[in-house]
Amino acid sequence: MNIIVALIVGAIAGWLAGLLVKGHGQGLLVNIVVGIVGALIASFLFPAIGFGAAGSVLGAIIHATVGAVILLLVLRLVQRAG
């Protein structure tokens, strides 16, 4: 059941990040991957700057979305540099 929730949270977070970072609209699979990687980024970044982990699904979506936006912005910078 946790895997299904993680996939749903990843898909929502990836979709939201794609909306926030224009030009990175992808398919469902890419959105899930971006959202899950974003959640991993957030799980390392937020405790390092003093923010606690989210306890609810909504909190997880917000954390994963912020991480996914960071990921997409870094990818955009790398693409421009290359």
Protein backbone atom coordinates (compact mmCIF):
# COMPACT_ATOMS: atom_id res chain seq x y z
CA MET A 1 0.00 0.00 0.00
CA ASN A 2 2.87 2.39 0.74
CA ILE A 3 4.20 1.98 -2.78
CA ILE A 4 0.85 2.96 -4.25
CA VAL A 5 0.68 6.05 -2.04
CA ALA A 6 4.27 6.97 -2.99
CA LEU A 7 3.41 6.67 -6.69
CA ILE A 8 0.30 8.80 -6.29
CA VAL A 9 2.18 11.44 -4.26
CA GLY A 10 5.00 11.36 -6.83
CA ALA A 11 2.60 11.78 -9.73
CA ILE A 12 0.82 14.71 -8.09
CA ALA A 13 4.07 16.38 -7.04
CA GLY A 14 5.62 15.91 -10.49
CA TRP A 15 2.52 17.29 -12.18
CA LEU A 16 2.42 20.32 -9.87
CA ALA A 17 6.15 20.94 -10.36
CA GLY A 18 5.65 20.73 -14.13
CA LEU A 19 2.96 23.41 -13.86
CA LEU A 20 5.14 25.64 -11.68
CA VAL A 21 8.25 25.29 -13.84
CA LYS A 22 6.96 26.13 -17.29
CA GLY A 23 8.28 24.15 -20.24
CA HIS A 24 8.71 20.89 -18.34
CA GLY A 25 5.36 19.27 -18.94
CA GLN A 26 6.01 15.54 -19.22
CA GLY A 27 4.02 12.34 -19.30
CA LEU A 28 2.68 10.50 -16.27
CA LEU A 29 5.73 8.25 -15.86
CA VAL A 30 8.16 11.18 -15.96
CA ASN A 31 5.97 13.12 -13.52
CA ILE A 32 6.06 10.19 -11.09
CA VAL A 33 9.85 9.91 -11.37
CA VAL A 34 10.33 13.68 -10.96
CA GLY A 35 7.99 13.69 -7.96
CA ILE A 36 9.71 10.76 -6.25
CA VAL A 37 13.18 12.19 -6.88
CA GLY A 38 11.85 15.53 -5.64
CA ALA A 39 10.65 13.84 -2.46
CA LEU A 40 14.12 12.37 -1.96
CA ILE A 41 15.70 15.79 -2.47
CA ALA A 42 13.28 17.32 0.02
CA SER A 43 13.91 14.55 2.56
CA PHE A 44 17.61 15.48 2.61
CA LEU A 45 17.30 19.24 2.15
CA PHE A 46 14.53 20.16 4.60
CA PRO A 47 16.03 18.57 7.73
CA ALA A 48 19.37 20.20 6.86
CA ILE A 49 17.77 23.66 6.94
CA GLY A 50 15.64 22.94 10.01
CA PHE A 51 12.24 21.96 8.60
CA GLY A 52 10.67 18.82 9.98
CA ALA A 53 9.32 15.97 7.89
CA ALA A 54 5.69 16.09 6.82
CA GLY A 55 3.32 13.76 8.65
CA SER A 56 0.34 13.83 6.31
CA VAL A 57 -0.21 13.02 2.66
CA LEU A 58 -0.77 16.72 1.92
CA GLY A 59 2.50 17.57 3.66
CA ALA A 60 4.26 14.86 1.66
CA ILE A 61 2.86 16.29 -1.57
CA ILE A 62 4.07 19.78 -0.63
CA HIS A 63 7.54 18.53 0.30
CA ALA A 64 7.83 16.42 -2.85
CA THR A 65 6.59 19.30 -5.02
CA VAL A 66 9.18 21.69 -3.59
CA GLY A 67 11.89 19.10 -4.16
CA ALA A 68 10.65 18.42 -7.69
CA VAL A 69 10.64 22.15 -8.50
CA ILE A 70 14.24 22.36 -7.28
CA LEU A 71 15.11 19.36 -9.46
CA LEU A 72 13.48 20.87 -12.55
CA LEU A 73 15.18 24.22 -12.01
CA VAL A 74 18.58 22.52 -11.69
CA LEU A 75 17.88 20.50 -14.84
CA ARG A 76 16.94 23.70 -16.66
CA LEU A 77 20.23 25.32 -15.62
CA VAL A 78 22.21 22.29 -16.76
CA GLN A 79 20.42 22.25 -20.14
CA ARG A 80 21.16 25.95 -20.68
CA ALA A 81 24.82 25.47 -19.80
CA GLY A 82 25.18 22.52 -22.20
